[in-house]
C-alpha atoms as a PDB file:
ATOM      1  CA  MET A   1     185.592 179.255  25.755  1.00  0.00           C
ATOM      2  CA  GLU A   2     183.479 176.231  26.705  1.00  0.00           C
ATOM      3  CA  ILE A   3     184.503 174.211  29.737  1.00  0.00           C
ATOM      4  CA  LEU A   4     183.900 170.446  29.620  1.00  0.00           C
ATOM      5  CA  ASP A   5     183.412 168.572  32.850  1.00  0.00           C
ATOM      6  CA  ALA A   6     183.519 164.820  33.381  1.00  0.00           C
ATOM      7  CA  ARG A   7     179.744 164.511  33.057  1.00  0.00           C
ATOM      8  CA  SER A   8     179.366 166.192  29.682  1.00  0.00           C
ATOM      9  CA  PRO A   9     179.414 163.870  26.682  1.00  0.00           C
ATOM     10  CA  ALA A  10     182.541 163.791  24.583  1.00  0.00           C
ATOM     11  CA  PRO A  11     182.254 165.224  21.087  1.00  0.00           C
ATOM     12  CA  PRO A  12     181.577 162.582  18.432  1.00  0.00           C
ATOM     13  CA  ALA A  13     184.408 161.135  16.384  1.00  0.00           C
ATOM     14  CA  ASP A  14     185.357 162.714  13.086  1.00  0.00           C
ATOM     15  CA  ASP A  15     183.218 161.103  10.357  1.00  0.00           C
ATOM     16  CA  ALA A  16     186.054 161.191   7.812  1.00  0.00           C
ATOM     17  CA  ALA A  17     188.456 159.437  10.195  1.00  0.00           C
ATOM     18  CA  VAL A  18     185.870 156.744  10.990  1.00  0.00           C
ATOM     19  CA  ALA A  19     185.162 156.281   7.274  1.00  0.00           C
ATOM     20  CA  ALA A  20     188.886 155.822   6.570  1.00  0.00           C
ATOM     21  CA  LEU A  21     189.199 153.355   9.432  1.00  0.00           C
ATOM     22  CA  PHE A  22     186.087 151.531   8.164  1.00  0.00           C
ATOM     23  CA  ARG A  23     187.565 151.146   4.676  1.00  0.00           C
ATOM     24  CA  ALA A  24     190.878 149.941   6.064  1.00  0.00           C
ATOM     25  CA  ARG A  25     189.677 147.552   8.750  1.00  0.00           C
ATOM     26  CA  TYR A  26     186.077 146.470   7.940  1.00  0.00           C
ATOM     27  CA  GLN A  27     187.015 143.089   6.402  1.00  0.00           C
ATOM     28  CA  GLU A  28     189.295 142.354   9.341  1.00  0.00           C
ATOM     29  CA  MET A  29     186.406 142.981  11.765  1.00  0.00           C
ATOM     30  CA  VAL A  30     184.070 140.800   9.673  1.00  0.00           C
ATOM     31  CA  ARG A  31     186.613 137.959   9.821  1.00  0.00           C
ATOM     32  CA  LEU A  32     187.019 138.482  13.568  1.00  0.00           C
ATOM     33  CA  ALA A  33     183.256 138.294  14.134  1.00  0.00           C
ATOM     34  CA  GLY A  34     182.998 135.204  11.937  1.00  0.00           C
ATOM     35  CA  LEU A  35     185.812 133.450  13.755  1.00  0.00           C
ATOM     36  CA  LEU A  36     184.190 134.263  17.086  1.00  0.00           C
ATOM     37  CA  GLY A  37     181.018 132.539  15.891  1.00  0.00           C
ATOM     38  CA  ALA A  38     178.732 135.396  14.919  1.00  0.00           C
ATOM     39  CA  ASP A  39     175.795 134.288  12.803  1.00  0.00           C
ATOM     40  CA  ASP A  40     175.848 137.673  11.026  1.00  0.00           C
ATOM     41  CA  PRO A  41     179.463 138.907  11.047  1.00  0.00           C
ATOM     42  CA  GLU A  42     178.850 141.755   8.581  1.00  0.00           C
ATOM     43  CA  ASP A  43     176.130 143.222  10.792  1.00  0.00           C
ATOM     44  CA  VAL A  44     178.317 142.902  13.886  1.00  0.00           C
ATOM     45  CA  ALA A  45     181.199 144.742  12.194  1.00  0.00           C
ATOM     46  CA  GLN A  46     178.907 147.492  10.920  1.00  0.00           C
ATOM     47  CA  GLU A  47     177.341 147.947  14.347  1.00  0.00           C
ATOM     48  CA  ALA A  48     180.800 148.247  15.923  1.00  0.00           C
ATOM     49  CA  PHE A  49     181.802 151.005  13.502  1.00  0.00           C
ATOM     50  CA  ALA A  50     178.441 152.748  13.972  1.00  0.00           C
ATOM     51  CA  ARG A  51     179.044 152.820  17.718  1.00  0.00           C
ATOM     52  CA  LEU A  52     182.482 154.309  17.082  1.00  0.00           C
ATOM     53  CA  LEU A  53     180.804 157.347  15.522  1.00  0.00           C
ATOM     54  CA  ASN A  54     179.413 158.303  18.932  1.00  0.00           C
ATOM     55  CA  ARG A  55     182.773 158.003  20.695  1.00  0.00           C
ATOM     56  CA  SER A  56     185.631 160.420  20.952  1.00  0.00           C
ATOM     57  CA  LEU A  57     188.943 158.592  20.821  1.00  0.00           C
ATOM     58  CA  ARG A  58     192.339 160.226  20.728  1.00  0.00           C
ATOM     59  CA  ASP A  59     193.975 158.225  17.907  1.00  0.00           C
ATOM     60  CA  ALA A  60     193.502 155.427  15.375  1.00  0.00           C
ATOM     61  CA  ASP A  61     194.996 152.782  17.674  1.00  0.00           C
ATOM     62  CA  ALA A  62     192.470 153.581  20.394  1.00  0.00           C
ATOM     63  CA  ALA A  63     189.670 153.594  17.801  1.00  0.00           C
ATOM     64  CA  ILE A  64     190.553 150.188  16.344  1.00  0.00           C
ATOM     65  CA  GLY A  65     190.937 148.796  19.875  1.00  0.00           C
ATOM     66  CA  TYR A  66     187.460 150.069  20.685  1.00  0.00           C
ATOM     67  CA  VAL A  67     186.054 148.503  17.495  1.00  0.00           C
ATOM     68  CA  ARG A  68     187.726 145.146  18.234  1.00  0.00           C
ATOM     69  CA  ALA A  69     186.358 145.094  21.775  1.00  0.00           C
ATOM     70  CA  THR A  70     182.920 146.057  20.488  1.00  0.00           C
ATOM     71  CA  VAL A  71     182.973 143.252  17.887  1.00  0.00           C
ATOM     72  CA  CYS A  72     183.891 140.769  20.627  1.00  0.00           C
ATOM     73  CA  ASN A  73     181.154 142.016  22.942  1.00  0.00           C
ATOM     74  CA  LEU A  74     178.489 142.173  20.236  1.00  0.00           C
ATOM     75  CA  THR A  75     179.320 138.643  19.088  1.00  0.00           C
ATOM     76  CA  ARG A  76     179.214 137.324  22.645  1.00  0.00           C
ATOM     77  CA  ASN A  77     175.874 139.050  23.273  1.00  0.00           C
ATOM     78  CA  ARG A  78     174.430 137.782  20.000  1.00  0.00           C
ATOM     79  CA  ARG A  79     175.450 134.174  20.714  1.00  0.00           C
ATOM     80  CA  ARG A  80     174.006 134.426  24.243  1.00  0.00           C
ATOM     81  CA  HIS A  81     170.754 135.818  22.854  1.00  0.00           C
ATOM     82  CA  LEU A  82     170.494 133.032  20.275  1.00  0.00           C
ATOM     83  CA  ARG A  83     171.031 130.368  22.976  1.00  0.00           C
ATOM     84  CA  VAL A  84     168.253 131.830  25.114  1.00  0.00           C
ATOM     85  CA  ALA A  85     165.960 132.229  22.116  1.00  0.00           C
ATOM     86  CA  ALA A  86     166.548 128.603  21.122  1.00  0.00           C
ATOM     87  CA  LEU A  87     165.609 127.445  24.620  1.00  0.00           C
ATOM     88  CA  ARG A  88     162.378 129.423  24.534  1.00  0.00           C
ATOM     89  CA  ALA A  89     161.430 128.631  20.951  1.00  0.00           C
ATOM     90  CA  PRO A  90     158.145 126.787  20.608  1.00  0.00           C
ATOM     91  CA  ALA A  91     158.267 123.246  19.322  1.00  0.00           C
ATOM     92  CA  PRO A  92     157.902 123.072  15.560  1.00  0.00           C
ATOM     93  CA  PRO A  93     154.478 121.996  14.354  1.00  0.00           C
ATOM     94  CA  PRO A  94     154.210 118.366  13.350  1.00  0.00           C
ATOM     95  CA  ASP A  95     154.670 117.625   9.696  1.00  0.00           C
ATOM     96  CA  SER A  96     151.336 118.034   8.022  1.00  0.00           C
ATOM     97  CA  ALA A  97     150.203 115.676   5.339  1.00  0.00           C
ATOM     98  CA  SER A  98     149.718 116.867   1.797  1.00  0.00           C
ATOM     99  CA  SER A  99     146.230 117.028   0.331  1.00  0.00           C
ATOM    100  CA  GLU A 100     146.987 113.910  -1.663  1.00  0.00           C
ATOM    101  CA  GLN A 101     148.068 112.013   1.446  1.00  0.00           C
ATOM    102  CA  VAL A 102     144.924 113.114   3.271  1.00  0.00           C
ATOM    103  CA  ALA A 103     142.736 111.966   0.376  1.00  0.00           C
ATOM    104  CA  ILE A 104     144.465 108.564   0.259  1.00  0.00           C
ATOM    105  CA  PHE A 105     144.173 108.201   4.033  1.00  0.00           C
ATOM    106  CA  ARG A 106     140.468 109.037   3.928  1.00  0.00           C
ATOM    107  CA  GLU A 107     139.868 106.550   1.131  1.00  0.00           C
ATOM    108  CA  ASP A 108     141.774 103.841   3.040  1.00  0.00           C
ATOM    109  CA  HIS A 109     139.817 104.733   6.164  1.00  0.00           C
ATOM    110  CA  ARG A 110     136.504 104.399   4.286  1.00  0.00           C
ATOM    111  CA  GLU A 111     137.581 100.997   2.927  1.00  0.00           C
ATOM    112  CA  VAL A 112     138.513  99.733   6.392  1.00  0.00           C
ATOM    113  CA  LEU A 113     135.236 100.989   7.857  1.00  0.00           C
ATOM    114  CA  ALA A 114     133.262  99.364   5.027  1.00  0.00           C
ATOM    115  CA  ALA A 115     135.080  96.061   5.542  1.00  0.00           C
ATOM    116  CA  LEU A 116     134.557  96.339   9.308  1.00  0.00           C
ATOM    117  CA  SER A 117     130.826  96.950   8.888  1.00  0.00           C
ATOM    118  CA  SER A 118     130.544  93.778   6.782  1.00  0.00           C
ATOM    119  CA  LEU A 119     131.688  91.614   9.735  1.00  0.00           C
ATOM    120  CA  PRO A 120     129.269  89.887  12.072  1.00  0.00           C
ATOM    121  CA  ALA A 121     128.416  92.016  15.128  1.00  0.00           C
ATOM    122  CA  ARG A 122     130.439  89.994  17.698  1.00  0.00           C
ATOM    123  CA  ARG A 123     133.617  89.997  15.584  1.00  0.00           C
ATOM    124  CA  ARG A 124     133.252  93.706  14.811  1.00  0.00           C
ATOM    125  CA  GLU A 125     132.754  94.424  18.528  1.00  0.00           C
ATOM    126  CA  ALA A 126     135.847  92.398  19.513  1.00  0.00           C
ATOM    127  CA  ILE A 127     138.033  94.126  16.897  1.00  0.00           C
ATOM    128  CA  VAL A 128     136.816  97.621  17.789  1.00  0.00           C
ATOM    129  CA  LEU A 129     137.398  97.013  21.490  1.00  0.00           C
ATOM    130  CA  ARG A 130     140.866  95.552  20.815  1.00  0.00           C
ATOM    131  CA  TYR A 131     142.294  97.956  18.222  1.00  0.00           C
ATOM    132  CA  TRP A 132     140.357 101.197  18.600  1.00  0.00           C
ATOM    133  CA  LEU A 133     140.001 101.229  22.372  1.00  0.00           C
ATOM    134  CA  GLU A 134     143.179  99.200  22.932  1.00  0.00           C
ATOM    135  CA  LEU A 135     141.620  97.028  25.632  1.00  0.00           C
ATOM    136  CA  SER A 136     143.280  93.854  26.822  1.00  0.00           C
ATOM    137  CA  GLU A 137     141.714  90.468  26.115  1.00  0.00           C
ATOM    138  CA  SER A 138     140.461  90.177  29.697  1.00  0.00           C
ATOM    139  CA  GLU A 139     138.891  93.661  29.553  1.00  0.00           C
ATOM    140  CA  ILE A 140     137.193  92.791  26.261  1.00  0.00           C
ATOM    141  CA  ALA A 141     135.926  89.517  27.760  1.00  0.00           C
ATOM    142  CA  VAL A 142     134.338  91.420  30.649  1.00  0.00           C
ATOM    143  CA  ALA A 143     132.832  94.041  28.322  1.00  0.00           C
ATOM    144  CA  MET A 144     131.390  91.433  25.938  1.00  0.00           C
ATOM    145  CA  GLY A 145     130.395  88.980  28.675  1.00  0.00           C
ATOM    146  CA  VAL A 146     132.373  86.097  27.135  1.00  0.00           C
ATOM    147  CA  SER A 147     135.522  84.130  27.969  1.00  0.00           C
ATOM    148  CA  ALA A 148     139.029  85.287  27.015  1.00  0.00           C
ATOM    149  CA  GLY A 149     139.281  82.324  24.603  1.00  0.00           C
ATOM    150  CA  THR A 150     136.156  83.519  22.787  1.00  0.00           C
ATOM    151  CA  VAL A 151     137.686  86.996  22.499  1.00  0.00           C
ATOM    152  CA  LYS A 152     140.857  85.547  20.969  1.00  0.00           C
ATOM    153  CA  SER A 153     138.942  83.524  18.403  1.00  0.00           C
ATOM    154  CA  GLN A 154     136.593  86.403  17.509  1.00  0.00           C
ATOM    155  CA  VAL A 155     139.513  88.804  17.022  1.00  0.00           C
ATOM    156  CA  SER A 156     141.493  86.244  15.008  1.00  0.00           C
ATOM    157  CA  ARG A 157     138.566  85.368  12.723  1.00  0.00           C
ATOM    158  CA  GLY A 158     137.609  89.017  12.384  1.00  0.00           C
ATOM    159  CA  LEU A 159     141.133  90.036  11.317  1.00  0.00           C
ATOM    160  CA  ALA A 160     141.237  87.214   8.773  1.00  0.00           C
ATOM    161  CA  ALA A 161     137.884  88.331   7.327  1.00  0.00           C
ATOM    162  CA  LEU A 162     139.055  91.966   7.240  1.00  0.00           C
ATOM    163  CA  GLY A 163     142.220  90.913   5.409  1.00  0.00           C
ATOM    164  CA  ARG A 164     140.218  89.019   2.784  1.00  0.00           C
ATOM    165  CA  ALA A 165     137.773  91.900   2.354  1.00  0.00           C
ATOM    166  CA  LEU A 166     140.520  94.490   1.954  1.00  0.00           C
ATOM    167  CA  GLU A 167     142.524  92.293  -0.472  1.00  0.00           C
ATOM    168  CA  GLY A 168     139.447  92.074  -2.658  1.00  0.00           C
ATOM    169  CA  GLN A 169     139.272  95.884  -2.818  1.00  0.00           C
ATOM    170  CA  ALA A 170     142.943  96.369  -3.658  1.00  0.00           C
END
């Protein structure tokens, strides 16, 4: 006769009894997991019954109590894991443009550059410093060696000429 002490593992549950309990209570455990907020209630219920196979419980009431507690714990752990994973998830990549959008952008870019190159040098310089380098009027005046009023007029006339040139291409 074999003597079992407190440290030896209990014999596994009877597979037929677990299967009968599974058939009788599986949907109830799925509903429980779903109501508790599990993202995958079927998997949670199956895992709870799979863990029951490794347990030795004295009767069906103890077994269903174990399964209920396991469903609650698995759901809680899963929700905790998903919260942590969401906090550590990398930022989604920015929306990328389609090939058609890229082609249109490149064509528009070429048209703007062509219109810009047709401007007189001082107007082109004022517009590039203002809109590409985003300098203030006083910074542009220092860079070009002119007054702030000259910068304003060069930018204004340059934008008007760009508008006319781009309207002619449209």
